Protein backbone atom coordinates (compact mmCIF):
# COMPACT_ATOMS: atom_id res chain seq x y z
CA MET A 1 12.12 -1.15 -40.97
CA SER A 2 8.54 -1.74 -40.27
CA VAL A 3 7.58 -2.83 -36.69
CA ALA A 4 6.68 -6.25 -37.97
CA THR A 5 10.12 -6.96 -39.19
CA ARG A 6 12.08 -5.66 -36.28
CA ARG A 7 13.88 -8.26 -34.12
CA PRO A 8 13.38 -7.88 -30.34
CA HIS A 9 16.07 -6.80 -28.19
CA THR A 10 16.81 -9.98 -26.40
CA ASN A 11 19.98 -9.27 -24.50
CA CYS A 12 18.75 -5.98 -22.95
CA ASN A 13 18.80 -6.23 -19.27
CA LYS A 14 19.96 -9.76 -19.27
CA GLY A 15 19.86 -11.08 -15.77
CA ARG A 16 18.61 -7.83 -14.26
CA GLY A 17 14.92 -7.96 -14.97
CA PRO A 18 12.28 -7.95 -12.14
CA TYR A 19 12.22 -11.72 -11.83
CA SER A 20 15.86 -12.60 -12.26
CA LYS A 21 17.57 -14.69 -9.94
CA SER A 22 20.41 -12.34 -9.49
CA ARG A 23 18.36 -9.87 -7.66
CA LYS A 24 19.59 -9.00 -4.19
CA HIS A 25 16.12 -8.16 -2.57
CA PRO A 26 13.06 -10.43 -2.59
CA LYS A 27 10.05 -8.92 -4.28
CA GLY A 28 8.57 -6.35 -2.08
CA GLU A 29 11.32 -6.17 0.49
CA VAL A 30 13.05 -2.98 -0.72
CA TRP A 31 10.25 -0.62 0.41
CA ARG A 32 10.47 -2.09 3.83
CA LYS A 33 14.15 -1.22 4.19
CA LEU A 34 13.27 2.41 2.92
CA TYR A 35 10.56 2.98 5.30
CA LYS A 36 11.95 0.96 8.25
CA LYS A 37 11.40 3.93 10.85
CA GLU A 38 7.80 4.63 9.70
CA LEU A 39 6.91 0.93 9.82
CA GLU A 40 8.25 0.78 13.37
CA LYS A 41 6.12 3.79 14.20
CA TYR A 42 2.92 3.08 12.56
CA GLY A 43 3.02 -0.60 11.62
CA GLU A 44 2.32 -1.98 8.19
CA GLN A 45 -1.49 -1.76 8.09
CA GLY A 46 -1.39 1.90 9.66
CA LEU A 47 1.23 2.90 6.92
CA TYR A 48 -0.91 1.49 4.15
CA LEU A 49 -4.02 3.29 5.57
CA ARG A 50 -1.95 6.53 5.96
CA GLY A 51 -0.66 6.41 2.46
CA LEU A 52 -3.85 5.32 0.84
CA ARG A 53 -5.70 8.18 2.66
CA HIS A 54 -3.06 10.74 1.30
CA ARG A 55 -3.38 9.33 -2.05
CA GLU A 56 -7.14 10.03 -2.13
CA GLY A 57 -6.47 13.37 -0.60
CA LEU A 58 -8.50 12.97 2.51
CA THR A 59 -8.09 14.15 6.10
CA GLN A 60 -8.76 11.72 8.95
CA LYS A 61 -11.92 13.46 9.56
CA GLN A 62 -13.07 13.34 6.01
CA LEU A 63 -12.28 9.56 5.88
CA ALA A 64 -14.26 9.04 8.99
CA ALA A 65 -17.22 10.97 7.62
CA LYS A 66 -17.18 8.79 4.27
CA LEU A 67 -16.91 5.64 6.42
CA GLY A 68 -20.00 6.67 8.20
CA LYS A 69 -21.63 5.49 11.47
CA GLY A 70 -19.25 4.07 14.08
CA CYS A 71 -15.99 5.77 12.98
CA SER A 72 -14.73 8.88 14.11
CA GLN A 73 -11.45 10.80 13.29
CA HIS A 74 -10.01 9.36 16.77
CA HIS A 75 -10.59 5.77 15.51
CA ILE A 76 -8.72 6.55 12.09
CA SER A 77 -5.88 8.12 14.05
CA GLU A 78 -5.70 5.04 16.40
CA MET A 79 -5.67 2.57 13.38
CA GLU A 80 -2.95 4.50 11.53
CA ASN A 81 -0.66 4.61 14.77
CA GLY A 82 -1.14 0.96 15.39
CA LYS A 83 -3.14 1.37 18.64
CA ARG A 84 -6.48 -0.08 17.25
CA THR A 85 -6.74 -3.34 15.17
CA ILE A 86 -8.48 -3.25 11.92
CA THR A 87 -11.38 -5.75 11.87
CA PRO A 88 -12.41 -7.40 8.49
CA ALA A 89 -15.53 -5.58 8.37
CA MET A 90 -13.60 -2.20 8.92
CA ALA A 91 -10.92 -3.25 6.27
CA LYS A 92 -13.73 -3.97 3.74
CA ARG A 93 -15.13 -0.50 4.43
CA LEU A 94 -11.81 1.25 4.16
CA ALA A 95 -11.02 -0.70 0.90
CA ASN A 96 -14.23 0.52 -0.47
CA VAL A 97 -13.65 4.14 0.20
CA LEU A 98 -9.88 4.17 -0.54
CA HIS A 99 -10.19 2.06 -3.70
CA ALA A 100 -7.79 -0.69 -2.46
CA GLU A 101 -7.79 -4.43 -1.72
CA TYR A 102 -9.09 -5.06 1.76
CA ARG A 103 -6.66 -7.65 2.57
CA MET A 104 -3.97 -4.90 2.70
CA PHE A 105 -5.51 -3.95 6.18
CA LEU A 106 -5.51 -7.47 7.69
């Protein structure tokens, strides 16, 4: 049978798709349960920062160097641990370096 004459499988995963009403968890809530301890320790923005930094293969010191003036390794550590807030200007700088959406850090 050619690709054009095949019928789509309409009953596959019926009621179990990503947007079905039968899902137990609202979209995006599963990871919060999986990483509950880490969220309590680092906070959501700190966990995003830590994860994105690891994804890019950077140490805190390397990230601070890429961010440039006014940011040290100590500042990165404090942001990751939730001890320092991430300002909108810093969020944009982080997003630019880490190839992410800046709103994740706010």
